[in-house]
Amino acid sequence: MLRFGCVFALPGIACLIVFILARPQEFVPLLQRVPFLHLFTAFAVIGYIIDIRLRRLQPIATNTLPWVVMFLVWAIISTAINAPEQLLRRGLEMAVLFALYGTIAHGIQRFRTFQAIAGVLATTCVFITAVCLHQGMSERQCIGGEESEGAIEGTPDGRLCETSEQCRGPEAEPGKEYRCEHVGAFGTYSVEDRVRYRGELHDPNEVALTICAGGMAMLIGFSLRKRHALWQLVFGLGVAMVLFTVFMTQSRGGLVAALLVPGVYIVRRYGLVSVIPAAILGLPVMLLGGRSGDAADLSTSMRYDAWSTGLDMWHHSPVFGVGARMFSEHFFLTAHNAYVLVLAELGFVGLVLFVAIMYLCMKTLLVGIRELSQVPGTSAAQVWGMSLLAAMAGITFQINTLSFSYHSVLWLFFGLVGAWYSSIRHHRPEMTIKLTPRDIVIVIGSCLAYAIVILPVFLKLKGFR
């Protein structure tokens, strides 16, 4: 499952995925001495160049490449206009995203190598799932540190507890805030009893989305590729672990994503008529999981307030926005919505380019799977296309409540869709999928409707306009 063949770009891509998601460099002291993320990015890029020189890969652009370039360039232009002092920093961030997308999308042009990278992604996500699962089942300890956005960011002090009040006794250090949380392996701990990981996955909602898209969807793909009973058991246990961990994150959006991933397969198999019974079966999951109470209501209220503020930012600067990653400079929270975040930071042009990438990814998968269903010997392409479609369905929904516009997980999946398309083109170069003038009109019309009608009306109904 993890054989790389003779393609030099793949080891760098595989290591990049592991170090971006699992972050071993953060809890293994020896790894902290070397900037592995930059090193593996360089290895992936150099490996791709070597593969091109050796004719093991073809220098053919994916269909999303022009839109990705335009989006990232527009982010740099917006930053240069609004916050020129941040230009170098933001330029480097956009370059990293482009390298992540570009090496995956263009460095994988065979389904055998695609499956190897899918195996790396699934294994990494199962590891993250196991860490979070262990964390949620571990005893609570006192966490002492500073409060940030309602959570304590600090270190466990070893004292067992049941409530936060028990942590504020005579053994508490002066000047520190304390919470009682589940403490897991590798320095991880929960936030308000919601399990989470490290690095870019420090938020429970982002953990839920990542393990659904990178774990559950890929494991289902492997279960369809490997029919042996033992493998079926292993993949089934992995999916069960993911689902139980999503419950532990208490992420309402994550639960929907966890239902959407298998839901895509159900709709493909039984048609749209299966949506109603599937929704009825999924209703108990939604009722039993997710947060509720005053804390959840406050979180939702603050999220709507952020959306309203983002809309005001767009009204103030409708073309260029306020600059990439500058939302938090104008509001005390991030946007908690990828589409609102792009609209506020990069203006209407940025939103159109971002939605165009999402739209083209979905179109590539839908059209590609439909066309390949009539072609013998394309089972591998169809299986991995369905896995990506299920993952992208969950991502498209949940980023409505996550500031995911520049998140590595999202751009990793942009790259995987590009890799799937590149692999198809290797075998069937005549198949081309791109945005037509009609598609562009749909994208622009959808963005206009969202910014002018849907979002304002929704916020007004909620009392935030």
Protein backbone atom coordinates (compact mmCIF):
# COMPACT_ATOMS: atom_id res chain seq x y z
CA MET A 1 0.00 0.00 0.00
CA LEU A 2 2.92 2.35 0.65
CA ARG A 3 5.26 1.47 -2.21
CA PHE A 4 6.61 4.50 -4.03
CA GLY A 5 8.04 2.95 -7.17
CA CYS A 6 10.73 5.00 -8.86
CA VAL A 7 9.15 8.47 -8.75
CA PHE A 8 11.50 10.79 -6.87
CA ALA A 9 8.83 13.34 -5.90
CA LEU A 10 6.79 10.89 -3.82
CA PRO A 11 8.98 10.47 -0.71
CA GLY A 12 9.06 14.25 -0.29
CA ILE A 13 5.27 14.49 -0.77
CA ALA A 14 4.65 11.65 1.71
CA CYS A 15 6.91 13.18 4.36
CA LEU A 16 5.34 16.59 3.77
CA ILE A 17 1.87 15.17 4.48
CA VAL A 18 3.07 13.47 7.68
CA PHE A 19 4.89 16.54 9.00
CA ILE A 20 2.08 18.96 8.14
CA LEU A 21 -0.67 16.88 9.76
CA ALA A 22 0.94 14.76 12.51
CA ARG A 23 3.57 17.41 13.44
CA PRO A 24 6.18 15.00 14.90
CA GLN A 25 8.65 17.88 14.90
CA GLU A 26 6.64 19.49 17.72
CA PHE A 27 6.94 16.62 20.23
CA VAL A 28 10.21 14.92 19.21
CA PRO A 29 13.01 17.25 20.41
CA LEU A 30 15.54 15.84 17.96
CA LEU A 31 13.36 16.84 15.00
CA GLN A 32 13.09 20.45 16.18
CA ARG A 33 16.63 21.24 15.10
CA VAL A 34 15.87 21.01 11.37
CA PRO A 35 13.14 22.91 9.44
CA PHE A 36 11.67 19.69 8.04
CA LEU A 37 8.59 21.29 6.47
CA HIS A 38 10.73 23.50 4.25
CA LEU A 39 13.19 20.68 3.67
CA PHE A 40 10.55 18.20 2.49
CA THR A 41 8.90 20.86 0.35
CA ALA A 42 12.24 21.37 -1.35
CA PHE A 43 12.72 17.59 -1.71
CA ALA A 44 9.27 17.25 -3.32
CA VAL A 45 9.94 20.09 -5.76
CA ILE A 46 13.44 18.85 -6.64
CA GLY A 47 12.12 15.30 -6.97
CA TYR A 48 9.45 16.52 -9.39
CA ILE A 49 12.07 18.31 -11.49
CA ILE A 50 14.22 15.16 -11.59
CA ASP A 51 11.19 13.08 -12.61
CA ILE A 52 10.48 15.52 -15.43
CA ARG A 53 14.09 15.35 -16.60
CA LEU A 54 13.99 11.53 -16.52
CA ARG A 55 10.62 11.56 -18.33
CA ARG A 56 8.94 9.70 -15.49
CA LEU A 57 6.42 12.52 -15.23
CA GLN A 58 4.95 14.77 -17.88
CA PRO A 59 5.11 18.58 -17.50
CA ILE A 60 1.36 18.96 -18.02
CA ALA A 61 -0.63 21.45 -15.94
CA THR A 62 -3.75 20.36 -14.11
CA ASN A 63 -7.04 22.08 -14.88
CA THR A 64 -7.11 23.92 -11.54
CA LEU A 65 -3.59 25.36 -11.86
CA PRO A 66 -4.56 28.68 -13.57
CA TRP A 67 -7.26 29.35 -10.98
CA VAL A 68 -4.94 28.48 -8.10
CA VAL A 69 -2.26 30.82 -9.44
CA MET A 70 -4.78 33.65 -9.90
CA PHE A 71 -6.14 33.19 -6.38
CA LEU A 72 -2.72 33.18 -4.70
CA VAL A 73 -1.49 36.12 -6.79
CA TRP A 74 -4.65 38.05 -5.94
CA ALA A 75 -4.02 37.36 -2.24
CA ILE A 76 -0.54 38.87 -2.61
CA ILE A 77 -1.91 41.88 -4.52
CA SER A 78 -4.56 42.47 -1.87
CA THR A 79 -1.92 42.29 0.86
CA ALA A 80 0.38 44.67 -1.02
CA ILE A 81 -2.45 47.22 -1.23
CA ASN A 82 -3.77 46.90 2.32
CA ALA A 83 -0.79 45.82 4.43
CA PRO A 84 2.49 46.20 2.51
CA GLU A 85 4.48 45.55 5.70
CA GLN A 86 3.05 41.99 5.67
CA LEU A 87 3.83 41.37 2.00
CA LEU A 88 6.95 39.22 2.46
CA ARG A 89 5.38 37.06 5.15
CA ARG A 90 2.14 36.51 3.24
CA GLY A 91 4.04 35.92 0.02
CA LEU A 92 6.00 33.10 1.67
CA GLU A 93 2.78 31.59 3.05
CA MET A 94 1.16 31.62 -0.37
CA ALA A 95 4.30 30.09 -1.88
CA VAL A 96 4.13 27.22 0.63
CA LEU A 97 0.47 26.60 -0.25
CA PHE A 98 1.34 26.62 -3.94
CA ALA A 99 4.22 24.21 -3.39
CA LEU A 100 1.96 21.85 -1.42
CA TYR A 101 -0.73 21.94 -4.07
CA GLY A 102 1.64 21.92 -7.02
CA THR A 103 3.86 19.02 -5.98
CA ILE A 104 0.88 16.77 -5.15
CA ALA A 105 -1.20 17.73 -8.19
CA HIS A 106 1.67 17.37 -10.68
CA GLY A 107 3.98 14.89 -8.94
CA ILE A 108 1.36 12.11 -8.96
CA GLN A 109 0.39 10.91 -12.43
CA ARG A 110 -0.29 7.19 -11.87
CA PHE A 111 -3.04 5.57 -9.82
CA ARG A 112 -0.52 3.24 -8.21
CA THR A 113 1.37 6.22 -6.80
CA PHE A 114 -1.92 7.96 -6.00
CA GLN A 115 -2.89 4.95 -3.88
CA ALA A 116 0.47 5.11 -2.09
CA ILE A 117 -0.10 8.74 -1.12
CA ALA A 118 -3.71 7.93 -0.14
CA GLY A 119 -2.24 5.28 2.15
CA VAL A 120 0.11 7.81 3.75
CA LEU A 121 -2.78 10.24 4.27
CA ALA A 122 -5.09 7.57 5.71
CA THR A 123 -2.39 6.22 8.03
CA THR A 124 -1.53 9.71 9.28
CA CYS A 125 -5.19 10.52 9.93
CA VAL A 126 -5.71 7.21 11.76
CA PHE A 127 -2.70 8.07 13.94
CA ILE A 128 -4.23 11.47 14.75
CA THR A 129 -7.56 9.74 15.43
CA ALA A 130 -5.90 7.28 17.83
CA VAL A 131 -4.16 10.10 19.72
CA CYS A 132 -7.43 12.02 20.09
CA LEU A 133 -9.34 8.86 21.06
CA HIS A 134 -6.80 8.08 23.77
CA GLN A 135 -6.96 11.69 24.92
CA GLY A 136 -10.75 11.59 25.30
CA MET A 137 -10.58 8.41 27.37
CA SER A 138 -7.76 9.61 29.64
CA GLU A 139 -8.09 11.16 33.09
CA ARG A 140 -8.49 14.89 33.53
CA GLN A 141 -5.59 16.98 34.77
CA CYS A 142 -5.12 20.62 35.67
CA ILE A 143 -3.90 22.76 32.75
CA GLY A 144 -2.21 25.98 33.79
CA GLY A 145 -1.46 28.80 31.39
CA GLU A 146 -2.94 31.83 29.67
CA GLU A 147 -6.49 32.09 28.40
CA SER A 148 -6.85 32.48 24.61
CA GLU A 149 -10.27 32.71 22.91
CA GLY A 150 -11.97 31.01 25.83
CA ALA A 151 -9.43 28.17 26.15
CA ILE A 152 -6.40 27.72 28.35
CA GLU A 153 -3.14 27.31 26.43
CA GLY A 154 -0.52 25.92 28.77
CA THR A 155 0.86 22.67 30.15
CA PRO A 156 -0.55 19.94 32.42
CA ASP A 157 0.83 20.11 35.95
CA GLY A 158 0.07 16.48 36.85
CA ARG A 159 -2.74 17.15 39.34
CA LEU A 160 -5.85 15.03 38.74
CA CYS A 161 -9.16 16.86 38.83
CA GLU A 162 -12.86 16.67 38.07
CA THR A 163 -13.64 20.39 37.90
CA SER A 164 -11.67 23.55 37.15
CA GLU A 165 -12.29 24.83 40.68
CA GLN A 166 -10.14 22.00 42.07
CA CYS A 167 -7.18 23.36 40.10
CA ARG A 168 -7.30 26.76 41.80
CA GLY A 169 -6.22 25.52 45.23
CA PRO A 170 -3.06 26.29 47.20
CA GLU A 171 -0.89 24.37 44.71
CA ALA A 172 -1.88 26.68 41.83
CA GLU A 173 0.79 29.04 40.54
CA PRO A 174 -0.03 32.75 40.95
CA GLY A 175 -1.03 34.58 37.79
CA LYS A 176 -2.07 31.47 35.86
CA GLU A 177 -5.52 30.50 34.68
CA TYR A 178 -6.55 26.87 35.09
CA ARG A 179 -8.85 24.41 33.34
CA CYS A 180 -9.54 20.74 34.02
CA GLU A 181 -9.08 18.84 30.76
CA HIS A 182 -8.37 15.39 29.37
CA VAL A 183 -4.62 14.94 28.82
CA GLY A 184 -3.39 12.69 26.03
CA ALA A 185 -0.15 11.62 24.41
CA PHE A 186 2.46 13.90 22.81
CA GLY A 187 1.51 16.92 24.94
CA THR A 188 -2.08 17.07 23.70
CA TYR A 189 -5.07 17.98 25.84
CA SER A 190 -8.73 18.75 25.28
CA VAL A 191 -10.50 22.11 25.30
CA GLU A 192 -13.76 22.19 27.26
CA ASP A 193 -13.65 18.36 27.16
CA ARG A 194 -13.50 18.42 23.33
CA VAL A 195 -10.60 16.36 21.97
CA ARG A 196 -8.13 17.99 19.60
CA TYR A 197 -4.61 17.62 18.23
CA ARG A 198 -1.65 19.95 17.66
CA GLY A 199 -0.47 22.49 15.11
CA GLU A 200 -3.07 23.40 12.50
CA LEU A 201 -5.40 20.82 14.06
CA HIS A 202 -5.54 22.43 17.50
CA ASP A 203 -9.24 23.19 16.95
CA PRO A 204 -11.66 20.26 17.54
CA ASN A 205 -13.72 21.21 14.48
CA GLU A 206 -10.66 21.07 12.23
CA VAL A 207 -9.69 17.69 13.68
CA ALA A 208 -13.19 16.36 12.92
CA LEU A 209 -13.07 17.58 9.32
CA THR A 210 -9.55 16.28 8.69
CA ILE A 211 -10.11 12.75 10.01
CA CYS A 212 -13.41 12.51 8.10
CA ALA A 213 -11.93 13.65 4.79
CA GLY A 214 -8.44 12.19 5.09
CA GLY A 215 -9.32 9.20 7.26
CA MET A 216 -12.85 7.93 6.74
CA ALA A 217 -13.10 8.71 3.01
CA MET A 218 -9.70 7.16 2.21
CA LEU A 219 -10.37 4.09 4.38
CA ILE A 220 -13.64 3.48 2.52
CA GLY A 221 -11.66 3.70 -0.71
CA PHE A 222 -9.17 1.09 0.49
CA SER A 223 -12.00 -1.18 1.65
CA LEU A 224 -13.36 -1.12 -1.90
CA ARG A 225 -9.92 -1.84 -3.36
CA LYS A 226 -8.89 -4.64 -0.96
CA ARG A 227 -11.67 -7.20 -0.55
CA HIS A 228 -9.83 -9.58 1.81
CA ALA A 229 -11.80 -10.15 5.02
CA LEU A 230 -8.89 -9.15 7.27
CA TRP A 231 -8.40 -5.86 5.43
CA GLN A 232 -12.15 -5.22 5.56
CA LEU A 233 -12.03 -5.66 9.35
CA VAL A 234 -9.05 -3.30 9.69
CA PHE A 235 -10.64 -0.59 7.56
CA GLY A 236 -13.99 -1.02 9.31
CA LEU A 237 -12.35 -0.55 12.71
CA GLY A 238 -10.59 2.54 11.37
CA VAL A 239 -13.88 4.07 10.21
CA ALA A 240 -15.48 3.26 13.58
CA MET A 241 -12.56 4.95 15.39
CA VAL A 242 -12.98 8.05 13.24
CA LEU A 243 -16.72 8.24 13.90
CA PHE A 244 -16.30 7.80 17.67
CA THR A 245 -13.54 10.43 17.74
CA VAL A 246 -15.75 12.88 15.84
CA PHE A 247 -18.30 12.40 18.63
CA MET A 248 -15.56 13.27 21.13
CA THR A 249 -14.75 16.51 19.29
CA GLN A 250 -18.41 17.54 19.87
CA SER A 251 -18.24 19.23 16.48
CA ARG A 252 -21.69 19.71 14.96
CA GLY A 253 -20.21 20.41 11.55
CA GLY A 254 -17.91 17.42 11.95
CA LEU A 255 -20.88 15.15 12.56
CA VAL A 256 -22.52 16.40 9.36
CA ALA A 257 -19.26 15.78 7.47
CA ALA A 258 -19.08 12.28 8.98
CA LEU A 259 -22.58 11.61 7.59
CA LEU A 260 -21.88 13.24 4.23
CA VAL A 261 -18.87 11.01 3.49
CA PRO A 262 -20.82 7.71 3.45
CA GLY A 263 -23.89 9.62 2.24
CA VAL A 264 -22.19 10.32 -1.09
CA TYR A 265 -21.77 6.58 -1.63
CA ILE A 266 -25.40 5.94 -0.71
CA VAL A 267 -26.65 8.56 -3.18
CA ARG A 268 -24.35 7.17 -5.90
CA ARG A 269 -25.70 3.67 -5.31
CA TYR A 270 -29.41 4.36 -4.74
CA GLY A 271 -29.98 7.84 -6.21
CA LEU A 272 -31.35 11.02 -4.66
CA VAL A 273 -34.41 9.13 -3.38
CA SER A 274 -32.12 7.66 -0.70
CA VAL A 275 -31.47 11.08 0.88
CA ILE A 276 -34.63 11.07 3.02
CA PRO A 277 -34.20 7.63 4.64
CA ALA A 278 -30.47 8.30 5.05
CA ALA A 279 -31.25 11.60 6.81
CA ILE A 280 -33.71 9.83 9.11
CA LEU A 281 -31.09 7.24 10.01
CA GLY A 282 -28.52 10.00 10.61
CA LEU A 283 -30.83 12.07 12.82
CA PRO A 284 -29.99 10.17 16.06
CA VAL A 285 -26.30 10.80 15.38
CA MET A 286 -26.91 14.55 15.19
CA LEU A 287 -29.12 14.53 18.28
CA LEU A 288 -26.68 12.53 20.41
CA GLY A 289 -23.53 14.32 19.28
CA GLY A 290 -22.39 17.93 19.07
CA ARG A 291 -22.36 20.66 21.65
CA SER A 292 -25.41 22.15 23.30
CA GLY A 293 -26.17 24.56 26.11
CA ASP A 294 -25.01 28.10 26.86
CA ALA A 295 -21.44 27.58 25.63
CA ALA A 296 -22.62 26.32 22.23
CA ASP A 297 -25.15 29.15 21.93
CA LEU A 298 -22.48 31.73 22.77
CA SER A 299 -20.12 30.20 20.21
CA THR A 300 -22.80 30.36 17.52
CA SER A 301 -23.66 33.95 18.41
CA MET A 302 -20.01 35.02 18.21
CA ARG A 303 -19.67 33.25 14.87
CA TYR A 304 -22.63 35.15 13.42
CA ASP A 305 -21.16 38.38 14.77
CA ALA A 306 -17.90 37.58 12.95
CA TRP A 307 -19.81 36.93 9.71
CA SER A 308 -21.59 40.26 10.02
CA THR A 309 -18.29 42.04 10.62
CA GLY A 310 -16.80 40.27 7.60
CA LEU A 311 -19.67 41.53 5.47
CA ASP A 312 -18.95 45.06 6.71
CA MET A 313 -15.28 44.65 5.75
CA TRP A 314 -16.34 43.69 2.24
CA HIS A 315 -18.68 46.71 1.99
CA HIS A 316 -15.76 48.90 3.04
CA SER A 317 -13.41 47.41 0.41
CA PRO A 318 -15.45 45.41 -2.14
CA VAL A 319 -12.68 44.77 -4.69
CA PHE A 320 -9.47 44.11 -2.75
CA GLY A 321 -10.78 43.34 0.74
CA VAL A 322 -8.69 44.07 3.83
CA GLY A 323 -5.74 41.83 2.91
CA ALA A 324 -4.87 38.16 3.34
CA ARG A 325 -4.97 36.98 6.98
CA MET A 326 -5.92 40.50 8.14
CA PHE A 327 -9.43 39.64 9.36
CA SER A 328 -8.26 39.31 12.97
CA GLU A 329 -6.74 42.80 12.77
CA HIS A 330 -10.27 44.18 12.40
CA PHE A 331 -12.16 41.82 14.71
CA PHE A 332 -11.26 39.96 17.88
CA LEU A 333 -12.11 36.57 16.31
CA THR A 334 -11.39 34.92 12.99
CA ALA A 335 -14.27 34.64 10.53
CA HIS A 336 -15.21 30.99 11.27
CA ASN A 337 -16.35 30.72 7.65
CA ALA A 338 -13.98 30.18 4.71
CA TYR A 339 -16.24 31.96 2.22
CA VAL A 340 -16.82 34.99 4.48
CA LEU A 341 -13.09 35.07 5.24
CA VAL A 342 -12.15 35.23 1.55
CA LEU A 343 -14.86 37.80 0.81
CA ALA A 344 -13.67 40.06 3.64
CA GLU A 345 -9.93 39.65 3.07
CA LEU A 346 -9.71 39.40 -0.73
CA GLY A 347 -12.92 41.09 -1.87
CA PHE A 348 -15.38 39.84 -4.45
CA VAL A 349 -12.65 38.90 -6.95
CA GLY A 350 -11.00 36.68 -4.33
CA LEU A 351 -14.31 34.99 -3.53
CA VAL A 352 -14.97 34.25 -7.20
CA LEU A 353 -11.50 32.73 -7.65
CA PHE A 354 -11.83 30.65 -4.46
CA VAL A 355 -15.28 29.35 -5.38
CA ALA A 356 -14.05 28.65 -8.93
CA ILE A 357 -11.37 26.32 -7.51
CA MET A 358 -13.94 24.53 -5.33
CA TYR A 359 -16.41 24.32 -8.22
CA LEU A 360 -13.83 22.97 -10.66
CA CYS A 361 -12.66 20.35 -8.17
CA MET A 362 -16.22 19.08 -7.75
CA LYS A 363 -16.90 19.23 -11.49
CA THR A 364 -13.69 17.31 -12.21
CA LEU A 365 -14.71 14.50 -9.89
CA LEU A 366 -18.36 14.34 -10.98
CA VAL A 367 -17.67 14.48 -14.71
CA GLY A 368 -14.65 12.21 -14.46
CA ILE A 369 -16.50 9.50 -12.51
CA ARG A 370 -19.45 9.69 -14.91
CA GLU A 371 -17.26 9.37 -17.99
CA LEU A 372 -15.15 6.55 -16.55
CA SER A 373 -18.19 4.52 -15.50
CA GLN A 374 -18.57 3.55 -19.18
CA VAL A 375 -14.90 2.57 -19.61
CA PRO A 376 -13.74 -0.98 -18.74
CA GLY A 377 -10.70 -1.35 -16.48
CA THR A 378 -11.11 1.97 -14.67
CA SER A 379 -12.21 0.63 -11.28
CA ALA A 380 -9.21 2.16 -9.44
CA ALA A 381 -9.91 5.60 -10.91
CA GLN A 382 -13.59 5.35 -9.98
CA VAL A 383 -12.88 4.19 -6.41
CA TRP A 384 -10.46 7.01 -5.67
CA GLY A 385 -12.66 9.52 -7.47
CA MET A 386 -15.54 8.57 -5.18
CA SER A 387 -13.29 8.83 -2.11
CA LEU A 388 -12.25 12.33 -3.13
CA LEU A 389 -15.83 13.29 -3.95
CA ALA A 390 -16.99 12.13 -0.51
CA ALA A 391 -14.12 14.00 1.15
CA MET A 392 -14.77 17.20 -0.83
CA ALA A 393 -18.49 17.03 -0.01
CA GLY A 394 -17.67 17.07 3.70
CA ILE A 395 -15.08 19.82 3.24
CA THR A 396 -17.39 22.02 1.14
CA PHE A 397 -20.04 21.90 3.84
CA GLN A 398 -17.93 22.24 6.97
CA ILE A 399 -15.75 25.14 5.83
CA ASN A 400 -18.95 27.19 6.18
CA THR A 401 -18.05 27.24 9.87
CA LEU A 402 -14.24 27.13 9.66
CA SER A 403 -11.61 29.67 8.63
CA PHE A 404 -10.15 27.14 6.21
CA SER A 405 -9.29 29.29 3.19
CA TYR A 406 -5.51 28.97 3.60
CA HIS A 407 -5.50 25.74 5.61
CA SER A 408 -3.00 23.08 4.54
CA VAL A 409 -5.66 20.34 4.63
CA LEU A 410 -7.82 22.15 2.08
CA TRP A 411 -4.90 22.76 -0.28
CA LEU A 412 -3.74 19.20 0.18
CA PHE A 413 -7.11 18.04 -1.16
CA PHE A 414 -6.95 20.56 -4.00
CA GLY A 415 -3.68 18.85 -4.86
CA LEU A 416 -5.16 15.35 -4.58
CA VAL A 417 -8.01 16.23 -6.95
CA GLY A 418 -5.40 17.59 -9.35
CA ALA A 419 -3.39 14.37 -8.97
CA TRP A 420 -6.49 12.28 -9.73
CA TYR A 421 -7.10 14.34 -12.87
CA SER A 422 -3.42 14.06 -13.88
CA SER A 423 -3.60 10.28 -13.45
CA ILE A 424 -6.66 10.08 -15.69
CA ARG A 425 -5.00 12.26 -18.31
CA HIS A 426 -1.97 9.98 -18.29
CA HIS A 427 -4.15 7.12 -19.52
CA ARG A 428 -6.76 9.14 -21.42
CA PRO A 429 -5.13 12.40 -22.62
CA GLU A 430 -8.20 13.23 -24.68
CA MET A 431 -10.29 13.74 -21.53
CA THR A 432 -10.29 17.42 -20.58
CA ILE A 433 -12.43 19.00 -17.87
CA LYS A 434 -12.40 22.76 -17.38
CA LEU A 435 -14.64 25.68 -16.57
CA THR A 436 -16.82 26.70 -19.50
CA PRO A 437 -18.26 30.22 -19.91
CA ARG A 438 -21.52 28.81 -18.49
CA ASP A 439 -19.66 27.52 -15.42
CA ILE A 440 -18.01 30.91 -14.89
CA VAL A 441 -21.42 32.62 -15.06
CA ILE A 442 -22.73 30.14 -12.46
CA VAL A 443 -19.75 30.80 -10.17
CA ILE A 444 -20.05 34.60 -10.42
CA GLY A 445 -23.84 34.46 -10.00
CA SER A 446 -23.52 32.21 -6.96
CA CYS A 447 -20.96 34.54 -5.37
CA LEU A 448 -23.18 37.57 -6.01
CA ALA A 449 -26.20 35.80 -4.55
CA TYR A 450 -24.19 34.74 -1.49
CA ALA A 451 -22.69 38.17 -0.78
CA ILE A 452 -25.73 40.31 -1.62
CA VAL A 453 -28.71 38.13 -0.71
CA ILE A 454 -28.08 34.85 1.10
CA LEU A 455 -25.61 35.95 3.78
CA PRO A 456 -27.26 39.32 4.60
CA VAL A 457 -30.75 37.78 4.77
CA PHE A 458 -29.51 34.91 6.94
CA LEU A 459 -27.79 37.30 9.35
CA LYS A 460 -30.86 39.54 9.46
CA LEU A 461 -33.06 36.59 10.37
CA LYS A 462 -30.62 35.78 13.16
CA GLY A 463 -30.70 39.40 14.39
CA PHE A 464 -27.16 40.39 13.37
CA ARG A 465 -27.89 43.01 10.67
